[in-house]
Amino acid sequence: MRLPFVAEPPSKAGMNPTETRPCLTNTAARRLFLARHGLGADSGGPGIDGLLDLIERLGFVQIDSINTVERAHHMILGARRKSYRPRQLTTLLERRRVLFEHWTHDAAAIPTAYFPYWRLRFERAERLKDRWRKWQGDAFVRSVDEVMAHIRDHGPVLARDMADRADNGEKRTGAGWWDWHPSKAALEYLWHTGALSVRGREGFQKVFDLTERVIPEAHRTPQPSEAEVIDWACAGALDRLGFATSGEIAAFWDLVTPQQAKDWCATRLGDDLVEIDIACAGDGVVRRAFARPAVLDEAEAVAPPPGGIRVLSPFDPALRDRSRTERLFGFHYRIEVFTPAAKRRYGYYVFPLLEGARLVGRIDMKRQTDTRCLAVTGLWPEPGIRFGKGRLARLESELHRVARFCGCDTVDFGDGWLRNPL
């Protein structure tokens, strides 16, 4: 029986010929990575408390507006918990206030217990005020004070509420944040600095309120030092990734700089961290990474993930780092939302398919609201993957689950839906 880690020839890692490191096999690395991302055999305890545990385990859940089947945050959680329903996330965000909305690498739902560690991001945003003024004009500066005063006196607002009463009704046209009216820019700036928080959403529009009315005091008052934030962010990122370069650690929360993460790794190498090699998919190349000393034993003990097929969101945390996904799974994925239709290889919003510890294909599908049908227009298997009778049955079972999840009654397969690998 092959252990999940072996000493690999040093030349493969491009290191000094006299140097050797333990190497995690590709299969073991994938299993460990998926387990850390809630896609293993254990997806957390039951009920809404189990859902919160899962989100804490992930670190955050990316929020995205695209809704071809269901929004990304719901797809992410639904892929891990068959019992998940969107109203549960709303309860955690808007009623229990144990999650808050802010930014990691993108907009995300984050455990409120982590709020104190966002102070570095808030401070960075405040230092950019002059840049906002340069891009938005002097009306933006006036709007910052006006927006704060209005919310303090009159309560929560949507951006459109402020547009109707501020700026003499001025509205800008076009696309991009630089075309926001000044009060909209002020709301976003104040949110990025932590002065305002998202109380809830109407449709998909953020409702802003004073942070002290949204974030419980117990999570507002701690003031961790910069060193404490760096240590928390780097340790938390590594523990969720299982193994990572310093750059991957910095990118996880996007709270610390690459240099801060590099320094953190250097100072803890030894008792707290070790260097290991990770075998990449396909070509036998290995990549050096940092890990906890116990990670090799943990990798050996990780059970294989469930064997069924799961539809993943393009923004699933297991796929967010496209380069890491390609190294671990041999799966090249780029979202084509912003690619002109004639130049797309696959489709507007194509969902990766996970089977066990392998990414076996990608599927283009859309919810048809009027007919309550999940319409499948194309499935592209990965090279070397055949969708025979058994795999097709597993796929159909998953698609019917997704259909029920997004409010559809049927699944329709379009003509020629099963394509050849590209």
Protein backbone atom coordinates (compact mmCIF):
# COMPACT_ATOMS: atom_id res chain seq x y z
CA MET A 1 0.00 0.00 0.00
CA ARG A 2 1.41 3.39 -1.02
CA LEU A 3 1.51 5.92 1.78
CA PRO A 4 0.12 9.40 1.02
CA PHE A 5 3.58 10.86 1.52
CA VAL A 6 6.95 9.58 0.39
CA ALA A 7 10.40 11.02 -0.08
CA GLU A 8 10.54 12.07 -3.72
CA PRO A 9 13.75 12.55 -5.74
CA PRO A 10 15.03 16.06 -4.96
CA SER A 11 15.53 16.95 -8.62
CA LYS A 12 11.79 16.88 -9.22
CA ALA A 13 11.29 19.76 -6.82
CA GLY A 14 14.06 21.81 -8.36
CA MET A 15 15.87 21.96 -5.03
CA ASN A 16 19.40 21.40 -3.84
CA PRO A 17 20.49 17.84 -4.68
CA THR A 18 21.40 17.21 -1.05
CA GLU A 19 18.00 18.34 0.22
CA THR A 20 14.95 16.11 0.65
CA ARG A 21 11.45 16.80 1.90
CA PRO A 22 8.41 14.60 2.49
CA CYS A 23 6.08 14.60 -0.49
CA LEU A 24 2.30 14.38 -0.36
CA THR A 25 0.96 12.32 -3.25
CA ASN A 26 -1.52 14.00 -5.54
CA THR A 27 -4.38 11.73 -4.45
CA ALA A 28 -3.73 12.41 -0.76
CA ALA A 29 -3.36 16.14 -1.39
CA ARG A 30 -6.69 16.32 -3.18
CA ARG A 31 -8.47 14.35 -0.47
CA LEU A 32 -7.04 16.54 2.27
CA PHE A 33 -7.82 19.75 0.41
CA LEU A 34 -11.43 18.71 -0.27
CA ALA A 35 -11.92 17.62 3.33
CA ARG A 36 -10.68 21.00 4.58
CA HIS A 37 -13.18 22.65 2.22
CA GLY A 38 -16.21 20.70 3.43
CA LEU A 39 -16.36 18.46 0.36
CA GLY A 40 -15.18 15.33 2.12
CA ALA A 41 -17.26 12.79 3.97
CA ASP A 42 -18.02 15.22 6.84
CA SER A 43 -19.88 18.46 6.05
CA GLY A 44 -20.67 19.50 9.60
CA GLY A 45 -23.40 18.91 12.16
CA PRO A 46 -27.16 19.15 11.68
CA GLY A 47 -29.36 22.22 11.58
CA ILE A 48 -28.53 25.88 11.34
CA ASP A 49 -25.79 25.61 13.98
CA GLY A 50 -24.14 22.98 11.82
CA LEU A 51 -24.36 25.38 8.88
CA LEU A 52 -22.57 28.06 10.89
CA ASP A 53 -19.90 25.51 11.84
CA LEU A 54 -19.42 24.72 8.15
CA ILE A 55 -19.02 28.40 7.21
CA GLU A 56 -16.50 28.88 10.04
CA ARG A 57 -14.65 25.85 8.72
CA LEU A 58 -14.58 27.36 5.22
CA GLY A 59 -13.70 30.81 6.59
CA PHE A 60 -16.21 32.63 4.40
CA VAL A 61 -18.66 32.11 1.55
CA GLN A 62 -18.37 34.29 -1.53
CA ILE A 63 -21.49 36.26 -2.45
CA ASP A 64 -22.21 36.79 -6.13
CA SER A 65 -25.20 38.15 -8.03
CA ILE A 66 -25.25 35.83 -11.06
CA ASN A 67 -28.35 33.69 -10.84
CA THR A 68 -28.49 31.35 -13.84
CA VAL A 69 -29.41 28.42 -11.57
CA GLU A 70 -29.06 29.80 -8.03
CA ARG A 71 -26.75 32.42 -6.56
CA ALA A 72 -23.18 31.34 -5.89
CA HIS A 73 -23.36 31.48 -2.08
CA HIS A 74 -26.35 29.16 -2.07
CA MET A 75 -24.76 26.78 -4.59
CA ILE A 76 -21.60 26.61 -2.46
CA LEU A 77 -23.51 25.62 0.67
CA GLY A 78 -25.99 23.41 -1.17
CA ALA A 79 -23.16 21.34 -2.65
CA ARG A 80 -22.03 20.47 0.88
CA ARG A 81 -25.36 20.01 2.65
CA LYS A 82 -28.36 18.47 0.91
CA SER A 83 -30.59 19.88 3.66
CA TYR A 84 -29.44 23.47 3.05
CA ARG A 85 -32.04 26.11 2.14
CA PRO A 86 -31.28 29.76 1.28
CA ARG A 87 -33.42 31.11 4.13
CA GLN A 88 -30.93 29.56 6.58
CA LEU A 89 -28.14 31.84 5.40
CA THR A 90 -30.49 34.83 5.67
CA THR A 91 -31.22 33.85 9.27
CA LEU A 92 -27.54 33.74 10.15
CA LEU A 93 -26.88 37.09 8.45
CA GLU A 94 -29.92 39.16 9.29
CA ARG A 95 -31.52 37.69 12.41
CA ARG A 96 -28.79 36.05 14.45
CA ARG A 97 -26.06 38.42 13.21
CA VAL A 98 -23.44 35.67 13.49
CA LEU A 99 -22.31 36.44 9.93
CA PHE A 100 -21.48 39.80 8.38
CA GLU A 101 -20.91 40.92 4.81
CA HIS A 102 -17.59 42.35 3.75
CA TRP A 103 -14.65 41.62 1.47
CA THR A 104 -12.05 38.89 1.34
CA HIS A 105 -10.85 38.54 -2.26
CA ASP A 106 -14.44 39.45 -3.15
CA ALA A 107 -17.76 40.12 -1.38
CA ALA A 108 -18.40 37.41 1.19
CA ALA A 109 -20.43 36.25 4.19
CA ILE A 110 -17.95 36.01 7.08
CA PRO A 111 -18.39 34.82 10.68
CA THR A 112 -19.00 37.89 12.87
CA ALA A 113 -16.52 36.54 15.40
CA TYR A 114 -13.83 37.47 12.84
CA PHE A 115 -14.94 41.12 12.60
CA PRO A 116 -12.12 42.52 14.81
CA TYR A 117 -9.51 41.17 12.39
CA TRP A 118 -10.91 43.27 9.56
CA ARG A 119 -9.46 46.41 11.12
CA LEU A 120 -6.44 46.29 8.80
CA ARG A 121 -8.74 46.33 5.78
CA PHE A 122 -10.80 49.18 7.26
CA GLU A 123 -7.65 51.21 7.89
CA ARG A 124 -6.38 50.58 4.35
CA ALA A 125 -9.71 51.80 2.95
CA GLU A 126 -9.59 54.99 5.03
CA ARG A 127 -6.14 55.79 3.64
CA LEU A 128 -7.60 55.69 0.13
CA LYS A 129 -10.08 58.51 0.75
CA ASP A 130 -8.10 60.98 -1.34
CA ARG A 131 -8.16 58.53 -4.24
CA TRP A 132 -11.94 58.23 -3.97
CA ARG A 133 -12.18 62.03 -3.95
CA LYS A 134 -9.95 62.28 -7.03
CA TRP A 135 -12.09 59.81 -8.94
CA GLN A 136 -15.48 60.91 -7.62
CA GLY A 137 -15.07 64.67 -7.14
CA ASP A 138 -15.71 67.03 -4.23
CA ALA A 139 -19.39 66.00 -4.11
CA PHE A 140 -18.21 62.62 -2.79
CA VAL A 141 -16.50 64.25 0.22
CA ARG A 142 -19.64 66.20 1.11
CA SER A 143 -21.72 63.06 0.66
CA VAL A 144 -19.69 61.08 3.20
CA ASP A 145 -20.80 63.39 6.02
CA GLU A 146 -24.34 63.74 4.64
CA VAL A 147 -24.82 59.98 4.33
CA MET A 148 -23.57 59.33 7.86
CA ALA A 149 -25.83 62.04 9.30
CA HIS A 150 -28.87 60.79 7.39
CA ILE A 151 -28.42 57.17 8.48
CA ARG A 152 -27.73 58.22 12.07
CA ASP A 153 -30.96 60.24 12.18
CA HIS A 154 -33.28 58.27 9.90
CA GLY A 155 -32.06 54.69 9.91
CA PRO A 156 -30.99 52.14 7.27
CA VAL A 157 -30.90 53.02 3.56
CA LEU A 158 -30.40 51.52 0.14
CA ALA A 159 -28.21 53.33 -2.36
CA ARG A 160 -31.26 54.27 -4.42
CA ASP A 161 -32.81 55.98 -1.37
CA MET A 162 -29.86 58.32 -1.12
CA ALA A 163 -29.80 58.96 -4.85
CA ASP A 164 -33.37 60.24 -4.66
CA ARG A 165 -32.65 62.80 -1.93
CA ALA A 166 -28.96 63.66 -2.35
CA ASP A 167 -26.92 65.32 -5.07
CA ASN A 168 -29.95 67.34 -6.22
CA GLY A 169 -31.22 64.22 -7.90
CA GLU A 170 -28.04 63.92 -9.96
CA LYS A 171 -27.50 60.45 -11.37
CA ARG A 172 -24.71 59.25 -13.57
CA THR A 173 -25.01 56.84 -16.45
CA GLY A 174 -22.65 54.22 -17.76
CA ALA A 175 -20.97 51.24 -16.18
CA GLY A 176 -18.45 50.81 -13.42
CA TRP A 177 -18.09 52.12 -9.88
CA TRP A 178 -16.59 55.40 -11.17
CA ASP A 179 -20.02 56.20 -12.61
CA TRP A 180 -21.81 55.96 -9.26
CA HIS A 181 -23.55 59.07 -8.00
CA PRO A 182 -21.59 60.61 -5.06
CA SER A 183 -23.90 59.28 -2.34
CA LYS A 184 -23.60 55.72 -3.68
CA ALA A 185 -19.81 56.09 -3.68
CA ALA A 186 -20.01 57.46 -0.12
CA LEU A 187 -22.05 54.46 1.04
CA GLU A 188 -19.57 52.03 -0.45
CA TYR A 189 -16.59 53.92 0.94
CA LEU A 190 -18.11 53.98 4.44
CA TRP A 191 -18.85 50.27 4.18
CA HIS A 192 -15.26 49.52 3.15
CA THR A 193 -13.95 51.54 6.11
CA GLY A 194 -16.20 49.74 8.60
CA ALA A 195 -18.27 52.81 9.54
CA LEU A 196 -21.32 51.23 7.91
CA SER A 197 -22.35 47.59 7.69
CA VAL A 198 -24.84 45.64 5.61
CA ARG A 199 -27.98 45.10 7.67
CA GLY A 200 -29.70 42.97 5.04
CA ARG A 201 -30.72 42.93 1.40
CA GLU A 202 -33.82 43.84 -0.56
CA GLY A 203 -33.77 41.79 -3.71
CA PHE A 204 -30.03 41.76 -4.07
CA GLN A 205 -29.49 45.41 -3.05
CA LYS A 206 -27.52 46.06 0.12
CA VAL A 207 -29.26 47.82 3.02
CA PHE A 208 -26.69 49.93 4.90
CA ASP A 209 -26.79 50.93 8.57
CA LEU A 210 -24.38 52.15 11.24
CA THR A 211 -21.99 49.37 12.21
CA GLU A 212 -22.87 49.73 15.90
CA ARG A 213 -26.47 48.83 15.04
CA VAL A 214 -25.48 45.72 13.07
CA ILE A 215 -22.38 44.16 14.62
CA PRO A 216 -22.82 43.05 18.25
CA GLU A 217 -20.68 45.03 20.69
CA ALA A 218 -18.75 41.93 21.76
CA HIS A 219 -17.29 41.75 18.24
CA ARG A 220 -16.71 45.51 17.81
CA THR A 221 -14.71 46.26 20.92
CA PRO A 222 -11.66 43.97 20.63
CA GLN A 223 -8.76 45.80 18.98
CA PRO A 224 -6.14 43.23 17.98
CA SER A 225 -2.71 44.58 17.10
CA GLU A 226 -1.35 44.38 13.58
CA ALA A 227 0.86 41.45 14.62
CA GLU A 228 -2.15 39.63 16.06
CA VAL A 229 -4.15 40.17 12.86
CA ILE A 230 -1.28 38.86 10.73
CA ASP A 231 -0.86 35.79 12.93
CA TRP A 232 -4.60 35.06 12.97
CA ALA A 233 -4.98 35.53 9.21
CA CYS A 234 -1.95 33.46 8.21
CA ALA A 235 -2.64 30.63 10.66
CA GLY A 236 -6.31 30.50 9.70
CA ALA A 237 -5.54 30.48 5.99
CA LEU A 238 -2.99 27.68 6.27
CA ASP A 239 -5.25 25.54 8.44
CA ARG A 240 -8.07 25.84 5.90
CA LEU A 241 -5.88 25.19 2.89
CA GLY A 242 -4.01 22.29 4.48
CA PHE A 243 -0.81 23.22 2.66
CA ALA A 244 0.09 26.43 0.88
CA THR A 245 2.77 28.79 -0.37
CA SER A 246 3.13 32.12 1.41
CA GLY A 247 1.43 33.78 -1.56
CA GLU A 248 -1.58 31.48 -1.26
CA ILE A 249 -1.74 32.22 2.47
CA ALA A 250 -1.79 35.97 1.81
CA ALA A 251 -4.46 35.65 -0.89
CA PHE A 252 -6.87 33.55 1.20
CA TRP A 253 -8.43 36.40 3.23
CA ASP A 254 -6.67 39.22 1.38
CA LEU A 255 -6.03 40.81 4.78
CA VAL A 256 -2.22 40.65 4.80
CA THR A 257 0.39 41.44 2.19
CA PRO A 258 2.47 38.76 0.45
CA GLN A 259 5.55 40.03 2.30
CA GLN A 260 3.78 39.80 5.67
CA ALA A 261 2.77 36.21 4.90
CA LYS A 262 6.29 35.36 3.75
CA ASP A 263 7.77 36.76 6.96
CA TRP A 264 5.19 34.91 9.06
CA CYS A 265 6.12 31.60 7.43
CA ALA A 266 9.84 32.25 7.87
CA THR A 267 9.56 33.01 11.58
CA ARG A 268 7.47 29.92 12.33
CA LEU A 269 9.33 27.36 10.28
CA GLY A 270 10.45 24.58 12.59
CA ASP A 271 8.10 23.77 15.45
CA ASP A 272 4.95 25.35 13.98
CA LEU A 273 5.52 24.83 10.25
CA VAL A 274 7.36 22.42 8.00
CA GLU A 275 8.09 22.44 4.30
CA ILE A 276 6.71 19.59 2.21
CA ASP A 277 6.35 18.86 -1.49
CA ILE A 278 2.96 18.45 -3.14
CA ALA A 279 2.73 16.20 -6.19
CA CYS A 280 0.91 17.98 -9.00
CA ALA A 281 -1.62 16.28 -11.25
CA GLY A 282 -0.50 14.51 -14.35
CA ASP A 283 3.14 15.35 -14.93
CA GLY A 284 4.85 14.27 -11.70
CA VAL A 285 6.12 17.79 -10.93
CA VAL A 286 6.15 18.66 -7.24
CA ARG A 287 5.66 22.06 -5.63
CA ARG A 288 7.05 23.18 -2.30
CA ALA A 289 4.52 24.30 0.32
CA PHE A 290 4.23 25.07 4.00
CA ALA A 291 2.13 22.86 6.27
CA ARG A 292 1.58 21.97 9.90
CA PRO A 293 3.85 19.16 11.16
CA ALA A 294 0.85 16.84 11.68
CA VAL A 295 -0.50 17.29 8.15
CA LEU A 296 1.13 14.11 6.82
CA ASP A 297 -0.54 11.93 9.44
CA GLU A 298 -3.84 13.73 8.84
CA ALA A 299 -3.59 13.15 5.10
CA GLU A 300 -3.07 9.44 5.67
CA ALA A 301 -6.21 9.29 7.81
CA VAL A 302 -8.54 11.27 5.50
CA ALA A 303 -11.29 9.07 4.08
CA PRO A 304 -12.10 9.24 0.37
CA PRO A 305 -14.83 11.80 -0.37
CA PRO A 306 -18.32 10.60 -1.33
CA GLY A 307 -18.37 8.99 -4.77
CA GLY A 308 -21.42 10.74 -6.19
CA ILE A 309 -21.29 13.67 -8.60
CA ARG A 310 -21.69 17.18 -7.24
CA VAL A 311 -22.31 20.40 -9.17
CA LEU A 312 -19.98 23.14 -7.92
CA SER A 313 -20.35 26.88 -8.27
CA PRO A 314 -17.66 28.58 -10.38
CA PHE A 315 -16.97 30.58 -7.20
CA ASP A 316 -16.66 27.54 -4.93
CA PRO A 317 -13.84 28.09 -2.42
CA ALA A 318 -12.23 24.82 -3.54
CA LEU A 319 -11.89 26.32 -7.05
CA ARG A 320 -11.27 30.00 -6.28
CA ASP A 321 -7.52 29.75 -6.87
CA ARG A 322 -7.58 28.65 -10.52
CA SER A 323 -3.84 27.90 -10.63
CA ARG A 324 -4.05 25.72 -7.52
CA THR A 325 -7.04 23.90 -9.02
CA GLU A 326 -5.06 23.16 -12.14
CA ARG A 327 -2.05 21.89 -10.20
CA LEU A 328 -4.08 19.66 -7.89
CA PHE A 329 -6.79 18.41 -10.23
CA GLY A 330 -5.40 18.97 -13.73
CA PHE A 331 -8.55 21.01 -14.37
CA HIS A 332 -8.24 24.25 -16.32
CA TYR A 333 -11.18 26.53 -15.60
CA ARG A 334 -11.89 30.11 -16.57
CA ILE A 335 -15.29 31.73 -16.19
CA GLU A 336 -16.53 33.10 -19.53
CA VAL A 337 -19.16 35.58 -18.34
CA PHE A 338 -17.18 38.48 -19.76
CA THR A 339 -16.07 36.64 -22.91
CA PRO A 340 -18.02 37.44 -26.10
CA ALA A 341 -20.35 34.56 -26.94
CA ALA A 342 -18.57 33.76 -30.21
CA LYS A 343 -15.25 33.33 -28.37
CA ARG A 344 -16.46 31.10 -25.52
CA ARG A 345 -15.13 27.56 -25.38
CA TYR A 346 -17.98 26.31 -23.24
CA GLY A 347 -20.68 28.73 -22.11
CA TYR A 348 -21.69 31.85 -20.20
CA TYR A 349 -21.66 30.28 -16.72
CA VAL A 350 -20.44 26.69 -16.72
CA PHE A 351 -20.49 24.57 -13.56
CA PRO A 352 -17.61 22.18 -12.73
CA LEU A 353 -18.56 18.61 -11.83
CA LEU A 354 -16.86 16.91 -8.89
CA GLU A 355 -16.95 13.12 -8.57
CA GLY A 356 -15.17 11.81 -5.52
CA ALA A 357 -11.80 13.56 -5.56
CA ARG A 358 -11.79 14.23 -9.32
CA LEU A 359 -13.18 17.02 -11.46
CA VAL A 360 -14.73 15.05 -14.29
CA GLY A 361 -16.38 17.67 -16.49
CA ARG A 362 -18.30 20.92 -16.74
CA ILE A 363 -21.94 21.54 -17.49
CA ASP A 364 -23.84 24.47 -19.01
CA MET A 365 -27.38 24.77 -17.67
CA LYS A 366 -29.95 27.37 -16.73
CA ARG A 367 -33.11 27.58 -14.68
CA GLN A 368 -36.16 28.39 -16.83
CA THR A 369 -38.37 30.26 -14.39
CA ASP A 370 -41.50 30.28 -16.56
CA THR A 371 -41.54 26.50 -17.14
CA ARG A 372 -39.85 25.54 -13.82
CA CYS A 373 -37.36 23.50 -15.81
CA LEU A 374 -33.60 23.11 -15.41
CA ALA A 375 -32.40 23.22 -19.02
CA VAL A 376 -29.09 21.46 -19.75
CA THR A 377 -27.48 22.65 -22.97
CA GLY A 378 -24.04 21.09 -22.78
CA LEU A 379 -21.76 18.80 -20.82
CA TRP A 380 -18.07 18.47 -21.66
CA PRO A 381 -16.27 15.51 -20.03
CA GLU A 382 -12.64 15.96 -19.08
CA PRO A 383 -10.13 14.11 -21.29
CA GLY A 384 -10.08 10.42 -20.41
CA ILE A 385 -13.47 10.55 -18.66
CA ARG A 386 -16.34 8.59 -20.18
CA PHE A 387 -19.93 9.21 -19.17
CA GLY A 388 -21.21 5.68 -19.29
CA LYS A 389 -24.44 4.34 -17.86
CA GLY A 390 -23.38 4.47 -14.21
CA ARG A 391 -21.87 7.95 -14.34
CA LEU A 392 -24.85 9.29 -16.27
CA ALA A 393 -27.17 7.90 -13.59
CA ARG A 394 -25.15 9.64 -10.88
CA LEU A 395 -25.23 12.87 -12.87
CA GLU A 396 -28.98 12.68 -13.41
CA SER A 397 -29.53 12.13 -9.69
CA GLU A 398 -27.48 15.24 -8.88
CA LEU A 399 -29.22 17.36 -11.53
CA HIS A 400 -32.64 16.45 -10.15
CA ARG A 401 -31.40 17.46 -6.68
CA VAL A 402 -30.15 20.80 -8.06
CA ALA A 403 -33.45 21.28 -9.88
CA ARG A 404 -35.44 20.85 -6.68
CA PHE A 405 -33.00 23.15 -4.87
CA CYS A 406 -33.53 26.00 -7.34
CA GLY A 407 -37.31 25.58 -7.57
CA CYS A 408 -37.58 23.52 -10.76
CA ASP A 409 -39.78 20.49 -11.31
CA THR A 410 -38.02 18.88 -14.27
CA VAL A 411 -34.65 18.56 -15.99
CA ASP A 412 -34.51 18.94 -19.77
CA PHE A 413 -31.53 17.77 -21.82
CA GLY A 414 -31.14 19.69 -25.07
CA ASP A 415 -30.20 18.08 -28.36
CA GLY A 416 -26.56 17.12 -28.48
CA TRP A 417 -26.02 18.05 -24.83
CA LEU A 418 -23.30 15.43 -24.23
CA ARG A 419 -20.28 16.87 -26.03
CA ASN A 420 -16.83 15.57 -26.84
CA PRO A 421 -13.96 16.72 -24.61
CA LEU A 422 -12.21 19.87 -25.87
